[in-house]
Amino acid sequence: MCVIPTILGKKGSVENMIGRVRRFIPKGTDLTTVSEVYLQQVENWINNAPLKCLNHLTPNEAMAREVNKYKFNHYRKVLDQSGAFPN
């Protein structure tokens, strides 16, 4: 059996997230009986709670940082190609 260390390292985070969801929605719950508003509230709580694996950022904060990095790099490339930044 081959063990991939990176997969094992992520298992704890996945199990932790499942535990967070289970605080609000117990295992075996028929999701058709749960209101969409309640599911959105759970989603909001999860996405705004800091996580150790994200250096204590919330998932929303971490995503915003990544999007901003992408935007900066994209616009920098566009400006470089346009000659806005001379070498």
C-alpha atoms as a PDB file:
ATOM      1  CA  MET A   1       0.000   0.000   0.000  1.00  0.00           C
ATOM      2  CA  CYS A   2       1.336   3.419  -0.983  1.00  0.00           C
ATOM      3  CA  VAL A   3       0.801   6.274   1.468  1.00  0.00           C
ATOM      4  CA  ILE A   4       0.894   9.816   0.150  1.00  0.00           C
ATOM      5  CA  PRO A   5       1.914  12.200   2.971  1.00  0.00           C
ATOM      6  CA  THR A   6       0.092  15.230   1.565  1.00  0.00           C
ATOM      7  CA  ILE A   7      -3.224  13.374   1.563  1.00  0.00           C
ATOM      8  CA  LEU A   8      -2.743  12.258   5.167  1.00  0.00           C
ATOM      9  CA  GLY A   9      -1.956  15.829   6.175  1.00  0.00           C
ATOM     10  CA  LYS A  10      -5.277  17.034   4.787  1.00  0.00           C
ATOM     11  CA  LYS A  11      -7.377  14.314   6.404  1.00  0.00           C
ATOM     12  CA  GLY A  12      -7.467  16.107   9.757  1.00  0.00           C
ATOM     13  CA  SER A  13      -8.717  19.311   8.163  1.00  0.00           C
ATOM     14  CA  VAL A  14     -11.464  17.451   6.312  1.00  0.00           C
ATOM     15  CA  GLU A  15     -12.548  15.599   9.463  1.00  0.00           C
ATOM     16  CA  ASN A  16     -12.497  18.872  11.397  1.00  0.00           C
ATOM     17  CA  MET A  17     -14.744  20.540   8.825  1.00  0.00           C
ATOM     18  CA  ILE A  18     -17.170  17.619   8.882  1.00  0.00           C
ATOM     19  CA  GLY A  19     -17.310  17.997  12.668  1.00  0.00           C
ATOM     20  CA  ARG A  20     -18.100  21.691  12.303  1.00  0.00           C
ATOM     21  CA  VAL A  21     -20.982  20.933   9.943  1.00  0.00           C
ATOM     22  CA  ARG A  22     -22.268  18.190  12.262  1.00  0.00           C
ATOM     23  CA  ARG A  23     -22.653  20.754  15.084  1.00  0.00           C
ATOM     24  CA  PHE A  24     -25.540  22.199  13.100  1.00  0.00           C
ATOM     25  CA  ILE A  25     -26.681  19.292  10.943  1.00  0.00           C
ATOM     26  CA  PRO A  26     -26.457  15.877  12.642  1.00  0.00           C
ATOM     27  CA  LYS A  27     -25.409  12.831  10.633  1.00  0.00           C
ATOM     28  CA  GLY A  28     -28.360  11.180   8.941  1.00  0.00           C
ATOM     29  CA  THR A  29     -30.390  14.393   8.688  1.00  0.00           C
ATOM     30  CA  ASP A  30     -32.601  14.523   5.605  1.00  0.00           C
ATOM     31  CA  LEU A  31     -31.342  17.697   3.951  1.00  0.00           C
ATOM     32  CA  THR A  32     -34.676  18.204   2.213  1.00  0.00           C
ATOM     33  CA  THR A  33     -36.089  19.040   5.663  1.00  0.00           C
ATOM     34  CA  VAL A  34     -33.468  21.734   6.324  1.00  0.00           C
ATOM     35  CA  SER A  35     -34.350  25.236   5.136  1.00  0.00           C
ATOM     36  CA  GLU A  36     -32.152  26.987   2.610  1.00  0.00           C
ATOM     37  CA  VAL A  37     -31.878  29.949   4.987  1.00  0.00           C
ATOM     38  CA  TYR A  38     -30.513  27.675   7.735  1.00  0.00           C
ATOM     39  CA  LEU A  39     -28.000  26.097   5.334  1.00  0.00           C
ATOM     40  CA  GLN A  40     -26.844  29.595   4.329  1.00  0.00           C
ATOM     41  CA  GLN A  41     -26.427  30.518   8.006  1.00  0.00           C
ATOM     42  CA  VAL A  42     -24.285  27.405   8.584  1.00  0.00           C
ATOM     43  CA  GLU A  43     -22.258  28.191   5.466  1.00  0.00           C
ATOM     44  CA  ASN A  44     -21.765  31.783   6.637  1.00  0.00           C
ATOM     45  CA  TRP A  45     -20.629  30.641  10.091  1.00  0.00           C
ATOM     46  CA  ILE A  46     -18.153  28.142   8.627  1.00  0.00           C
ATOM     47  CA  ASN A  47     -16.738  30.607   6.089  1.00  0.00           C
ATOM     48  CA  ASN A  48     -16.240  33.295   8.754  1.00  0.00           C
ATOM     49  CA  ALA A  49     -14.625  31.163  11.465  1.00  0.00           C
ATOM     50  CA  PRO A  50     -10.797  31.308  11.640  1.00  0.00           C
ATOM     51  CA  LEU A  51      -8.947  28.085  10.831  1.00  0.00           C
ATOM     52  CA  LYS A  52      -5.506  27.081  12.056  1.00  0.00           C
ATOM     53  CA  CYS A  53      -4.684  25.530   8.655  1.00  0.00           C
ATOM     54  CA  LEU A  54      -5.220  28.998   7.113  1.00  0.00           C
ATOM     55  CA  ASN A  55      -2.931  30.696   9.661  1.00  0.00           C
ATOM     56  CA  HIS A  56      -6.002  31.767  11.642  1.00  0.00           C
ATOM     57  CA  LEU A  57      -7.623  33.511   8.697  1.00  0.00           C
ATOM     58  CA  THR A  58     -11.231  32.791   7.872  1.00  0.00           C
ATOM     59  CA  PRO A  59     -11.915  30.960   4.596  1.00  0.00           C
ATOM     60  CA  ASN A  60     -13.458  34.185   3.267  1.00  0.00           C
ATOM     61  CA  GLU A  61     -10.324  36.175   4.162  1.00  0.00           C
ATOM     62  CA  ALA A  62      -8.020  33.559   2.628  1.00  0.00           C
ATOM     63  CA  MET A  63     -10.063  33.493  -0.569  1.00  0.00           C
ATOM     64  CA  ALA A  64     -10.071  37.298  -0.791  1.00  0.00           C
ATOM     65  CA  ARG A  65      -6.273  37.335  -0.445  1.00  0.00           C
ATOM     66  CA  GLU A  66      -5.859  34.774  -3.218  1.00  0.00           C
ATOM     67  CA  VAL A  67      -8.259  36.630  -5.516  1.00  0.00           C
ATOM     68  CA  ASN A  68      -6.439  39.904  -4.853  1.00  0.00           C
ATOM     69  CA  LYS A  69      -3.070  38.261  -5.592  1.00  0.00           C
ATOM     70  CA  TYR A  70      -4.441  36.938  -8.859  1.00  0.00           C
ATOM     71  CA  LYS A  71      -5.908  40.326  -9.792  1.00  0.00           C
ATOM     72  CA  PHE A  72      -2.653  42.115  -8.950  1.00  0.00           C
ATOM     73  CA  ASN A  73      -0.552  39.671 -10.956  1.00  0.00           C
ATOM     74  CA  HIS A  74      -2.986  39.784 -13.888  1.00  0.00           C
ATOM     75  CA  TYR A  75      -3.131  43.589 -14.013  1.00  0.00           C
ATOM     76  CA  ARG A  76       0.623  43.858 -13.523  1.00  0.00           C
ATOM     77  CA  LYS A  77       1.115  41.573 -16.539  1.00  0.00           C
ATOM     78  CA  VAL A  78      -1.321  43.674 -18.603  1.00  0.00           C
ATOM     79  CA  LEU A  79       0.448  46.886 -17.614  1.00  0.00           C
ATOM     80  CA  ASP A  80       3.872  45.371 -18.339  1.00  0.00           C
ATOM     81  CA  GLN A  81       2.693  44.365 -21.803  1.00  0.00           C
ATOM     82  CA  SER A  82       1.291  47.824 -22.435  1.00  0.00           C
ATOM     83  CA  GLY A  83       4.632  49.433 -21.604  1.00  0.00           C
ATOM     84  CA  ALA A  84       3.283  51.312 -18.573  1.00  0.00           C
ATOM     85  CA  PHE A  85       6.310  50.178 -16.535  1.00  0.00           C
ATOM     86  CA  PRO A  86       9.527  50.822 -18.472  1.00  0.00           C
ATOM     87  CA  ASN A  87      12.394  48.437 -17.794  1.00  0.00           C
END
